[in-house]
Amino acid sequence: MVYTEEIKAIFKMDEITDLSAKLSMSKIDDISKAIGINERIFTINELFGGNGELFNKMIDRLNSCDSFDQAKSMLIHEVATPMQWEKEDKVRKAQQFVKHVRRKFN
């Protein structure tokens, strides 16, 4: 599948060189536990169209993925593209969310 450059940019990861950045990318077992309440509300409103049920279902499905590539494909097809995460006002929040997802598979 061909993705737009904007979608690719959301999932691009820069090389981590400093210790604090490495620690912030430490592996997690459950994506939902890495997201605080304020960030959760903001993420639901900005990236999931205010649909908390969709957010919760997606987190459950992401947690059950076997690899980041599988999670990435699911996110792109089911939420990132339909919810237009590539729009300028959503890109930064989308990148933060993807960072949490990536931590699951480190």
PDB file of N, CA and C in Angstrom:
ATOM      1  N   MET A   1       0.841  -1.188   0.000  1.00  0.00           N
ATOM      2  CA  MET A   1       0.000   0.000   0.000  1.00  0.00           C
ATOM      3  C   MET A   1       0.877   1.238   0.000  1.00  0.00           C
ATOM      4  N   VAL A   2       0.430   2.267  -0.701  1.00  0.00           N
ATOM      5  CA  VAL A   2       1.168   3.521  -0.786  1.00  0.00           C
ATOM      6  C   VAL A   2       0.548   4.516   0.194  1.00  0.00           C
ATOM      7  N   TYR A   3       1.411   5.125   1.015  1.00  0.00           N
ATOM      8  CA  TYR A   3       0.938   6.093   1.998  1.00  0.00           C
ATOM      9  C   TYR A   3       1.422   7.475   1.598  1.00  0.00           C
ATOM     10  N   THR A   4       0.679   8.492   2.006  1.00  0.00           N
ATOM     11  CA  THR A   4       1.102   9.858   1.733  1.00  0.00           C
ATOM     12  C   THR A   4       2.336  10.174   2.568  1.00  0.00           C
ATOM     13  N   GLU A   5       3.091  11.150   2.144  1.00  0.00           N
ATOM     14  CA  GLU A   5       4.278  11.576   2.886  1.00  0.00           C
ATOM     15  C   GLU A   5       3.896  12.055   4.282  1.00  0.00           C
ATOM     16  N   GLU A   6       2.732  12.675   4.401  1.00  0.00           N
ATOM     17  CA  GLU A   6       2.276  13.163   5.701  1.00  0.00           C
ATOM     18  C   GLU A   6       2.012  12.008   6.669  1.00  0.00           C
ATOM     19  N   ILE A   7       1.400  10.946   6.173  1.00  0.00           N
ATOM     20  CA  ILE A   7       1.150   9.768   7.014  1.00  0.00           C
ATOM     21  C   ILE A   7       2.479   9.113   7.381  1.00  0.00           C
ATOM     22  N   LYS A   8       3.388   8.987   6.417  1.00  0.00           N
ATOM     23  CA  LYS A   8       4.705   8.402   6.693  1.00  0.00           C
ATOM     24  C   LYS A   8       5.424   9.189   7.786  1.00  0.00           C
ATOM     25  N   ALA A   9       5.301  10.511   7.765  1.00  0.00           N
ATOM     26  CA  ALA A   9       5.988  11.367   8.737  1.00  0.00           C
ATOM     27  C   ALA A   9       5.498  11.106  10.160  1.00  0.00           C
ATOM     28  N   ILE A  10       4.247  10.762  10.314  1.00  0.00           N
ATOM     29  CA  ILE A  10       3.693  10.479  11.644  1.00  0.00           C
ATOM     30  C   ILE A  10       4.384   9.263  12.258  1.00  0.00           C
ATOM     31  N   PHE A  11       4.719   8.284  11.433  1.00  0.00           N
ATOM     32  CA  PHE A  11       5.286   7.029  11.919  1.00  0.00           C
ATOM     33  C   PHE A  11       6.814   6.990  11.868  1.00  0.00           C
ATOM     34  N   LYS A  12       7.427   8.036  11.354  1.00  0.00           N
ATOM     35  CA  LYS A  12       8.887   8.092  11.266  1.00  0.00           C
ATOM     36  C   LYS A  12       9.465   8.313  12.659  1.00  0.00           C
ATOM     37  N   MET A  13      10.544   7.605  12.935  1.00  0.00           N
ATOM     38  CA  MET A  13      11.187   7.749  14.242  1.00  0.00           C
ATOM     39  C   MET A  13      12.609   8.226  14.042  1.00  0.00           C
ATOM     40  N   ASP A  14      12.940   9.328  14.690  1.00  0.00           N
ATOM     41  CA  ASP A  14      14.297   9.835  14.631  1.00  0.00           C
ATOM     42  C   ASP A  14      15.196   8.980  15.506  1.00  0.00           C
ATOM     43  N   GLU A  15      16.464   8.962  15.187  1.00  0.00           N
ATOM     44  CA  GLU A  15      17.423   8.213  15.991  1.00  0.00           C
ATOM     45  C   GLU A  15      17.529   8.829  17.374  1.00  0.00           C
ATOM     46  N   ILE A  16      17.511   7.985  18.385  1.00  0.00           N
ATOM     47  CA  ILE A  16      17.590   8.445  19.769  1.00  0.00           C
ATOM     48  C   ILE A  16      19.037   8.352  20.227  1.00  0.00           C
ATOM     49  N   THR A  17      19.552   9.484  20.722  1.00  0.00           N
ATOM     50  CA  THR A  17      20.950   9.491  21.136  1.00  0.00           C
ATOM     51  C   THR A  17      21.142   9.806  22.615  1.00  0.00           C
ATOM     52  N   ASP A  18      20.268  10.593  23.215  1.00  0.00           N
ATOM     53  CA  ASP A  18      20.501  10.930  24.629  1.00  0.00           C
ATOM     54  C   ASP A  18      19.754   9.982  25.564  1.00  0.00           C
ATOM     55  N   LEU A  19      20.246   9.885  26.761  1.00  0.00           N
ATOM     56  CA  LEU A  19      19.745   8.919  27.737  1.00  0.00           C
ATOM     57  C   LEU A  19      18.281   9.145  28.094  1.00  0.00           C
ATOM     58  N   SER A  20      17.883  10.389  28.307  1.00  0.00           N
ATOM     59  CA  SER A  20      16.484  10.640  28.701  1.00  0.00           C
ATOM     60  C   SER A  20      15.515  10.212  27.608  1.00  0.00           C
ATOM     61  N   ALA A  21      15.889  10.426  26.358  1.00  0.00           N
ATOM     62  CA  ALA A  21      15.030   9.988  25.253  1.00  0.00           C
ATOM     63  C   ALA A  21      14.957   8.470  25.194  1.00  0.00           C
ATOM     64  N   LYS A  22      16.083   7.809  25.446  1.00  0.00           N
ATOM     65  CA  LYS A  22      16.093   6.340  25.455  1.00  0.00           C
ATOM     66  C   LYS A  22      15.206   5.798  26.569  1.00  0.00           C
ATOM     67  N   LEU A  23      15.287   6.424  27.727  1.00  0.00           N
ATOM     68  CA  LEU A  23      14.458   5.987  28.854  1.00  0.00           C
ATOM     69  C   LEU A  23      12.979   6.212  28.576  1.00  0.00           C
ATOM     70  N   SER A  24      12.653   7.303  27.881  1.00  0.00           N
ATOM     71  CA  SER A  24      11.247   7.580  27.578  1.00  0.00           C
ATOM     72  C   SER A  24      10.681   6.605  26.555  1.00  0.00           C
ATOM     73  N   MET A  25      11.546   5.831  25.929  1.00  0.00           N
ATOM     74  CA  MET A  25      11.101   4.844  24.945  1.00  0.00           C
ATOM     75  C   MET A  25      11.195   3.419  25.485  1.00  0.00           C
ATOM     76  N   SER A  26      11.315   3.289  26.811  1.00  0.00           N
ATOM     77  CA  SER A  26      11.421   1.949  27.390  1.00  0.00           C
ATOM     78  C   SER A  26      10.150   1.147  27.117  1.00  0.00           C
ATOM     79  N   LYS A  27      10.302  -0.156  27.020  1.00  0.00           N
ATOM     80  CA  LYS A  27       9.193  -1.051  26.683  1.00  0.00           C
ATOM     81  C   LYS A  27       8.075  -0.995  27.727  1.00  0.00           C
ATOM     82  N   ILE A  28       6.854  -1.063  27.241  1.00  0.00           N
ATOM     83  CA  ILE A  28       5.665  -1.124  28.094  1.00  0.00           C
ATOM     84  C   ILE A  28       4.854  -2.356  27.705  1.00  0.00           C
ATOM     85  N   ASP A  29       4.049  -2.843  28.628  1.00  0.00           N
ATOM     86  CA  ASP A  29       3.206  -4.006  28.337  1.00  0.00           C
ATOM     87  C   ASP A  29       1.807  -3.614  27.874  1.00  0.00           C
ATOM     88  N   ASP A  30       1.355  -2.439  28.306  1.00  0.00           N
ATOM     89  CA  ASP A  30      -0.007  -1.998  28.018  1.00  0.00           C
ATOM     90  C   ASP A  30       0.028  -0.521  27.620  1.00  0.00           C
ATOM     91  N   ILE A  31      -0.358  -0.233  26.408  1.00  0.00           N
ATOM     92  CA  ILE A  31      -0.321   1.133  25.885  1.00  0.00           C
ATOM     93  C   ILE A  31      -1.163   2.069  26.743  1.00  0.00           C
ATOM     94  N   SER A  32      -2.320   1.616  27.183  1.00  0.00           N
ATOM     95  CA  SER A  32      -3.222   2.493  27.938  1.00  0.00           C
ATOM     96  C   SER A  32      -2.607   2.965  29.246  1.00  0.00           C
ATOM     97  N   LYS A  33      -1.737   2.149  29.838  1.00  0.00           N
ATOM     98  CA  LYS A  33      -1.117   2.545  31.107  1.00  0.00           C
ATOM     99  C   LYS A  33      -0.026   3.590  30.928  1.00  0.00           C
ATOM    100  N   ALA A  34       0.420   3.795  29.712  1.00  0.00           N
ATOM    101  CA  ALA A  34       1.453   4.799  29.433  1.00  0.00           C
ATOM    102  C   ALA A  34       0.845   6.170  29.130  1.00  0.00           C
ATOM    103  N   ILE A  35      -0.476   6.236  29.044  1.00  0.00           N
ATOM    104  CA  ILE A  35      -1.154   7.476  28.677  1.00  0.00           C
ATOM    105  C   ILE A  35      -1.920   8.000  29.885  1.00  0.00           C
ATOM    106  N   GLY A  36      -1.530   9.187  30.360  1.00  0.00           N
ATOM    107  CA  GLY A  36      -2.200   9.809  31.497  1.00  0.00           C
ATOM    108  C   GLY A  36      -3.607  10.256  31.138  1.00  0.00           C
ATOM    109  N   ILE A  37      -4.400  10.594  32.138  1.00  0.00           N
ATOM    110  CA  ILE A  37      -5.813  10.943  31.928  1.00  0.00           C
ATOM    111  C   ILE A  37      -5.990  12.168  31.028  1.00  0.00           C
ATOM    112  N   ASN A  38      -5.208  13.219  31.250  1.00  0.00           N
ATOM    113  CA  ASN A  38      -5.342  14.415  30.407  1.00  0.00           C
ATOM    114  C   ASN A  38      -4.958  14.117  28.964  1.00  0.00           C
ATOM    115  N   GLU A  39      -3.862  13.385  28.799  1.00  0.00           N
ATOM    116  CA  GLU A  39      -3.428  13.024  27.452  1.00  0.00           C
ATOM    117  C   GLU A  39      -4.448  12.114  26.785  1.00  0.00           C
ATOM    118  N   ARG A  40      -5.042  11.219  27.558  1.00  0.00           N
ATOM    119  CA  ARG A  40      -6.071  10.306  27.029  1.00  0.00           C
ATOM    120  C   ARG A  40      -7.261  11.111  26.483  1.00  0.00           C
ATOM    121  N   ILE A  41      -7.732  12.063  27.260  1.00  0.00           N
ATOM    122  CA  ILE A  41      -8.875  12.885  26.836  1.00  0.00           C
ATOM    123  C   ILE A  41      -8.536  13.663  25.573  1.00  0.00           C
ATOM    124  N   PHE A  42      -7.364  14.269  25.564  1.00  0.00           N
ATOM    125  CA  PHE A  42      -6.926  15.042  24.398  1.00  0.00           C
ATOM    126  C   PHE A  42      -6.795  14.135  23.170  1.00  0.00           C
ATOM    127  N   THR A  43      -6.222  12.947  23.361  1.00  0.00           N
ATOM    128  CA  THR A  43      -6.048  12.010  22.252  1.00  0.00           C
ATOM    129  C   THR A  43      -7.397  11.563  21.697  1.00  0.00           C
ATOM    130  N   ILE A  44      -8.317  11.231  22.578  1.00  0.00           N
ATOM    131  CA  ILE A  44      -9.656  10.815  22.136  1.00  0.00           C
ATOM    132  C   ILE A  44     -10.313  11.937  21.342  1.00  0.00           C
ATOM    133  N   ASN A  45     -10.241  13.148  21.854  1.00  0.00           N
ATOM    134  CA  ASN A  45     -10.891  14.275  21.177  1.00  0.00           C
ATOM    135  C   ASN A  45     -10.227  14.627  19.855  1.00  0.00           C
ATOM    136  N   GLU A  46      -8.904  14.654  19.840  1.00  0.00           N
ATOM    137  CA  GLU A  46      -8.176  15.103  18.646  1.00  0.00           C
ATOM    138  C   GLU A  46      -8.013  14.022  17.582  1.00  0.00           C
ATOM    139  N   LEU A  47      -7.712  12.800  17.989  1.00  0.00           N
ATOM    140  CA  LEU A  47      -7.367  11.765  17.019  1.00  0.00           C
ATOM    141  C   LEU A  47      -8.472  10.747  16.764  1.00  0.00           C
ATOM    142  N   PHE A  48      -9.410  10.630  17.694  1.00  0.00           N
ATOM    143  CA  PHE A  48     -10.464   9.626  17.555  1.00  0.00           C
ATOM    144  C   PHE A  48     -11.848  10.261  17.456  1.00  0.00           C
ATOM    145  N   GLY A  49     -11.904  11.531  17.094  1.00  0.00           N
ATOM    146  CA  GLY A  49     -13.173  12.211  16.872  1.00  0.00           C
ATOM    147  C   GLY A  49     -14.081  12.232  18.081  1.00  0.00           C
ATOM    148  N   GLY A  50     -13.487  12.197  19.287  1.00  0.00           N
ATOM    149  CA  GLY A  50     -14.280  12.221  20.506  1.00  0.00           C
ATOM    150  C   GLY A  50     -14.897  10.885  20.865  1.00  0.00           C
ATOM    151  N   ASN A  51     -14.543   9.836  20.133  1.00  0.00           N
ATOM    152  CA  ASN A  51     -15.134   8.514  20.325  1.00  0.00           C
ATOM    153  C   ASN A  51     -14.272   7.671  21.271  1.00  0.00           C
ATOM    154  N   GLY A  52     -14.593   7.709  22.552  1.00  0.00           N
ATOM    155  CA  GLY A  52     -13.849   6.962  23.559  1.00  0.00           C
ATOM    156  C   GLY A  52     -13.921   5.466  23.357  1.00  0.00           C
ATOM    157  N   GLU A  53     -15.041   4.974  22.879  1.00  0.00           N
ATOM    158  CA  GLU A  53     -15.201   3.537  22.631  1.00  0.00           C
ATOM    159  C   GLU A  53     -14.249   3.077  21.526  1.00  0.00           C
ATOM    160  N   LEU A  54     -14.135   3.867  20.456  1.00  0.00           N
ATOM    161  CA  LEU A  54     -13.204   3.553  19.373  1.00  0.00           C
ATOM    162  C   LEU A  54     -11.766   3.544  19.898  1.00  0.00           C
ATOM    163  N   PHE A  55     -11.420   4.533  20.707  1.00  0.00           N
ATOM    164  CA  PHE A  55     -10.086   4.610  21.307  1.00  0.00           C
ATOM    165  C   PHE A  55      -9.799   3.354  22.128  1.00  0.00           C
ATOM    166  N   ASN A  56     -10.705   2.983  23.019  1.00  0.00           N
ATOM    167  CA  ASN A  56     -10.502   1.817  23.884  1.00  0.00           C
ATOM    168  C   ASN A  56     -10.384   0.519  23.084  1.00  0.00           C
ATOM    169  N   LYS A  57     -11.223   0.366  22.077  1.00  0.00           N
ATOM    170  CA  LYS A  57     -11.154  -0.831  21.234  1.00  0.00           C
ATOM    171  C   LYS A  57      -9.828  -0.879  20.472  1.00  0.00           C
ATOM    172  N   MET A  58      -9.388   0.279  19.984  1.00  0.00           N
ATOM    173  CA  MET A  58      -8.136   0.321  19.233  1.00  0.00           C
ATOM    174  C   MET A  58      -6.952   0.007  20.149  1.00  0.00           C
ATOM    175  N   ILE A  59      -6.956   0.525  21.368  1.00  0.00           N
ATOM    176  CA  ILE A  59      -5.881   0.231  22.316  1.00  0.00           C
ATOM    177  C   ILE A  59      -5.832  -1.279  22.588  1.00  0.00           C
ATOM    178  N   ASP A  60      -6.987  -1.897  22.807  1.00  0.00           N
ATOM    179  CA  ASP A  60      -7.035  -3.349  23.037  1.00  0.00           C
ATOM    180  C   ASP A  60      -6.466  -4.109  21.846  1.00  0.00           C
ATOM    181  N   ARG A  61      -6.837  -3.699  20.664  1.00  0.00           N
ATOM    182  CA  ARG A  61      -6.358  -4.376  19.460  1.00  0.00           C
ATOM    183  C   ARG A  61      -4.865  -4.149  19.255  1.00  0.00           C
ATOM    184  N   LEU A  62      -4.392  -2.922  19.529  1.00  0.00           N
ATOM    185  CA  LEU A  62      -2.966  -2.625  19.394  1.00  0.00           C
ATOM    186  C   LEU A  62      -2.158  -3.439  20.391  1.00  0.00           C
ATOM    187  N   ASN A  63      -2.665  -3.557  21.603  1.00  0.00           N
ATOM    188  CA  ASN A  63      -1.977  -4.348  22.627  1.00  0.00           C
ATOM    189  C   ASN A  63      -1.854  -5.818  22.238  1.00  0.00           C
ATOM    190  N   SER A  64      -2.737  -6.304  21.385  1.00  0.00           N
ATOM    191  CA  SER A  64      -2.695  -7.707  20.984  1.00  0.00           C
ATOM    192  C   SER A  64      -1.890  -7.941  19.700  1.00  0.00           C
ATOM    193  N   CYS A  65      -1.376  -6.885  19.088  1.00  0.00           N
ATOM    194  CA  CYS A  65      -0.566  -7.034  17.877  1.00  0.00           C
ATOM    195  C   CYS A  65       0.758  -7.725  18.198  1.00  0.00           C
ATOM    196  N   ASP A  66       1.325  -8.384  17.201  1.00  0.00           N
ATOM    197  CA  ASP A  66       2.589  -9.096  17.360  1.00  0.00           C
ATOM    198  C   ASP A  66       3.806  -8.241  17.027  1.00  0.00           C
ATOM    199  N   SER A  67       3.595  -7.142  16.292  1.00  0.00           N
ATOM    200  CA  SER A  67       4.727  -6.306  15.881  1.00  0.00           C
ATOM    201  C   SER A  67       4.265  -4.863  15.678  1.00  0.00           C
ATOM    202  N   PHE A  68       5.251  -3.967  15.656  1.00  0.00           N
ATOM    203  CA  PHE A  68       4.921  -2.572  15.392  1.00  0.00           C
ATOM    204  C   PHE A  68       4.379  -2.423  13.971  1.00  0.00           C
ATOM    205  N   ASP A  69       4.916  -3.151  13.023  1.00  0.00           N
ATOM    206  CA  ASP A  69       4.438  -3.048  11.638  1.00  0.00           C
ATOM    207  C   ASP A  69       2.962  -3.436  11.532  1.00  0.00           C
ATOM    208  N   GLN A  70       2.567  -4.457  12.271  1.00  0.00           N
ATOM    209  CA  GLN A  70       1.157  -4.857  12.285  1.00  0.00           C
ATOM    210  C   GLN A  70       0.305  -3.749  12.906  1.00  0.00           C
ATOM    211  N   ALA A  71       0.767  -3.180  14.006  1.00  0.00           N
ATOM    212  CA  ALA A  71       0.041  -2.098  14.674  1.00  0.00           C
ATOM    213  C   ALA A  71      -0.037  -0.868  13.775  1.00  0.00           C
ATOM    214  N   LYS A  72       1.061  -0.553  13.119  1.00  0.00           N
ATOM    215  CA  LYS A  72       1.120   0.601  12.219  1.00  0.00           C
ATOM    216  C   LYS A  72       0.103   0.452  11.088  1.00  0.00           C
ATOM    217  N   SER A  73       0.071  -0.717  10.473  1.00  0.00           N
ATOM    218  CA  SER A  73      -0.867  -0.962   9.378  1.00  0.00           C
ATOM    219  C   SER A  73      -2.313  -0.805   9.857  1.00  0.00           C
ATOM    220  N   MET A  74      -2.605  -1.350  11.018  1.00  0.00           N
ATOM    221  CA  MET A  74      -3.948  -1.238  11.584  1.00  0.00           C
ATOM    222  C   MET A  74      -4.305   0.229  11.836  1.00  0.00           C
ATOM    223  N   LEU A  75      -3.386   0.957  12.442  1.00  0.00           N
ATOM    224  CA  LEU A  75      -3.636   2.376  12.728  1.00  0.00           C
ATOM    225  C   LEU A  75      -3.877   3.173  11.447  1.00  0.00           C
ATOM    226  N   ILE A  76      -3.032   2.960  10.455  1.00  0.00           N
ATOM    227  CA  ILE A  76      -3.160   3.719   9.201  1.00  0.00           C
ATOM    228  C   ILE A  76      -4.503   3.460   8.545  1.00  0.00           C
ATOM    229  N   HIS A  77      -4.868   2.186   8.428  1.00  0.00           N
ATOM    230  CA  HIS A  77      -6.096   1.835   7.716  1.00  0.00           C
ATOM    231  C   HIS A  77      -7.373   2.171   8.480  1.00  0.00           C
ATOM    232  N   GLU A  78      -7.325   1.996   9.800  1.00  0.00           N
ATOM    233  CA  GLU A  78      -8.567   2.096  10.562  1.00  0.00           C
ATOM    234  C   GLU A  78      -8.790   3.439  11.249  1.00  0.00           C
ATOM    235  N   VAL A  79      -7.715   4.172  11.540  1.00  0.00           N
ATOM    236  CA  VAL A  79      -7.923   5.457  12.207  1.00  0.00           C
ATOM    237  C   VAL A  79      -7.151   6.619  11.584  1.00  0.00           C
ATOM    238  N   ALA A  80      -5.877   6.455  11.330  1.00  0.00           N
ATOM    239  CA  ALA A  80      -5.067   7.591  10.872  1.00  0.00           C
ATOM    240  C   ALA A  80      -5.596   8.188   9.570  1.00  0.00           C
ATOM    241  N   THR A  81      -5.888   7.343   8.601  1.00  0.00           N
ATOM    242  CA  THR A  81      -6.395   7.851   7.323  1.00  0.00           C
ATOM    243  C   THR A  81      -7.834   8.347   7.441  1.00  0.00           C
ATOM    244  N   PRO A  82      -8.769   7.537   7.992  1.00  0.00           N
ATOM    245  CA  PRO A  82     -10.149   8.025   8.089  1.00  0.00           C
ATOM    246  C   PRO A  82     -10.316   9.278   8.969  1.00  0.00           C
ATOM    247  N   MET A  83      -9.507   9.393  10.021  1.00  0.00           N
ATOM    248  CA  MET A  83      -9.620  10.535  10.941  1.00  0.00           C
ATOM    249  C   MET A  83      -8.677  11.684  10.549  1.00  0.00           C
ATOM    250  N   GLN A  84      -8.010  11.529   9.426  1.00  0.00           N
ATOM    251  CA  GLN A  84      -7.161  12.574   8.851  1.00  0.00           C
ATOM    252  C   GLN A  84      -6.073  13.067   9.808  1.00  0.00           C
ATOM    253  N   TRP A  85      -5.296  12.115  10.327  1.00  0.00           N
ATOM    254  CA  TRP A  85      -4.211  12.461  11.236  1.00  0.00           C
ATOM    255  C   TRP A  85      -3.128  13.279  10.554  1.00  0.00           C
ATOM    256  N   GLU A  86      -3.109  13.278   9.228  1.00  0.00           N
ATOM    257  CA  GLU A  86      -2.074  14.025   8.517  1.00  0.00           C
ATOM    258  C   GLU A  86      -2.334  15.531   8.485  1.00  0.00           C
ATOM    259  N   LYS A  87      -3.506  15.954   8.929  1.00  0.00           N
ATOM    260  CA  LYS A  87      -3.796  17.398   8.982  1.00  0.00           C
ATOM    261  C   LYS A  87      -2.840  18.078   9.952  1.00  0.00           C
ATOM    262  N   GLU A  88      -2.429  19.273   9.596  1.00  0.00           N
ATOM    263  CA  GLU A  88      -1.407  20.004  10.348  1.00  0.00           C
ATOM    264  C   GLU A  88      -1.697  20.096  11.840  1.00  0.00           C
ATOM    265  N   ASP A  89      -2.959  20.285  12.218  1.00  0.00           N
ATOM    266  CA  ASP A  89      -3.297  20.446  13.632  1.00  0.00           C
ATOM    267  C   ASP A  89      -3.327  19.120  14.401  1.00  0.00           C
ATOM    268  N   LYS A  90      -3.166  17.980  13.705  1.00  0.00           N
ATOM    269  CA  LYS A  90      -3.208  16.676  14.371  1.00  0.00           C
ATOM    270  C   LYS A  90      -1.862  15.945  14.358  1.00  0.00           C
ATOM    271  N   VAL A  91      -0.948  16.347  13.506  1.00  0.00           N
ATOM    272  CA  VAL A  91       0.290  15.597  13.305  1.00  0.00           C
ATOM    273  C   VAL A  91       1.087  15.414  14.590  1.00  0.00           C
ATOM    274  N   ARG A  92       1.284  16.468  15.335  1.00  0.00           N
ATOM    275  CA  ARG A  92       2.106  16.369  16.551  1.00  0.00           C
ATOM    276  C   ARG A  92       1.479  15.411  17.571  1.00  0.00           C
ATOM    277  N   LYS A  93       0.183  15.520  17.775  1.00  0.00           N
ATOM    278  CA  LYS A  93      -0.515  14.632  18.712  1.00  0.00           C
ATOM    279  C   LYS A  93      -0.442  13.190  18.208  1.00  0.00           C
ATOM    280  N   ALA A  94      -0.601  13.006  16.905  1.00  0.00           N
ATOM    281  CA  ALA A  94      -0.523  11.672  16.323  1.00  0.00           C
ATOM    282  C   ALA A  94       0.869  11.072  16.538  1.00  0.00           C
ATOM    283  N   GLN A  95       1.898  11.864  16.381  1.00  0.00           N
ATOM    284  CA  GLN A  95       3.267  11.388  16.608  1.00  0.00           C
ATOM    285  C   GLN A  95       3.464  10.964  18.062  1.00  0.00           C
ATOM    286  N   GLN A  96       2.894  11.714  18.985  1.00  0.00           N
ATOM    287  CA  GLN A  96       3.004  11.350  20.402  1.00  0.00           C
ATOM    288  C   GLN A  96       2.291  10.025  20.677  1.00  0.00           C
ATOM    289  N   PHE A  97       1.129   9.850  20.090  1.00  0.00           N
ATOM    290  CA  PHE A  97       0.380   8.618  20.274  1.00  0.00           C
ATOM    291  C   PHE A  97       1.148   7.426  19.691  1.00  0.00           C
ATOM    292  N   VAL A  98       1.695   7.602  18.496  1.00  0.00           N
ATOM    293  CA  VAL A  98       2.463   6.540  17.842  1.00  0.00           C
ATOM    294  C   VAL A  98       3.689   6.180  18.681  1.00  0.00           C
ATOM    295  N   LYS A  99       4.268   7.161  19.361  1.00  0.00           N
ATOM    296  CA  LYS A  99       5.417   6.895  20.233  1.00  0.00           C
ATOM    297  C   LYS A  99       5.025   5.901  21.330  1.00  0.00           C
ATOM    298  N   HIS A 100       3.844   6.068  21.905  1.00  0.00           N
ATOM    299  CA  HIS A 100       3.359   5.122  22.920  1.00  0.00           C
ATOM    300  C   HIS A 100       3.175   3.727  22.318  1.00  0.00           C
ATOM    301  N   VAL A 101       2.619   3.682  21.135  1.00  0.00           N
ATOM    302  CA  VAL A 101       2.407   2.387  20.463  1.00  0.00           C
ATOM    303  C   VAL A 101       3.752   1.729  20.199  1.00  0.00           C
ATOM    304  N   ARG A 102       4.708   2.493  19.718  1.00  0.00           N
ATOM    305  CA  ARG A 102       6.033   1.962  19.422  1.00  0.00           C
ATOM    306  C   ARG A 102       6.694   1.359  20.677  1.00  0.00           C
ATOM    307  N   ARG A 103       6.473   1.992  21.824  1.00  0.00           N
ATOM    308  CA  ARG A 103       7.059   1.496  23.080  1.00  0.00           C
ATOM    309  C   ARG A 103       6.596   0.073  23.396  1.00  0.00           C
ATOM    310  N   LYS A 104       5.411  -0.260  23.004  1.00  0.00           N
ATOM    311  CA  LYS A 104       4.879  -1.608  23.243  1.00  0.00           C
ATOM    312  C   LYS A 104       5.753  -2.664  22.576  1.00  0.00           C
ATOM    313  N   PHE A 105       6.390  -2.307  21.474  1.00  0.00           N
ATOM    314  CA  PHE A 105       7.116  -3.288  20.656  1.00  0.00           C
ATOM    315  C   PHE A 105       8.640  -3.107  20.708  1.00  0.00           C
ATOM    316  N   ASN A 106       9.134  -2.264  21.593  1.00  0.00           N
ATOM    317  CA  ASN A 106      10.593  -2.069  21.720  1.00  0.00           C
ATOM    318  C   ASN A 106      11.279  -3.307  22.248  1.00  0.00           C
TER     319      ASN A 106
END
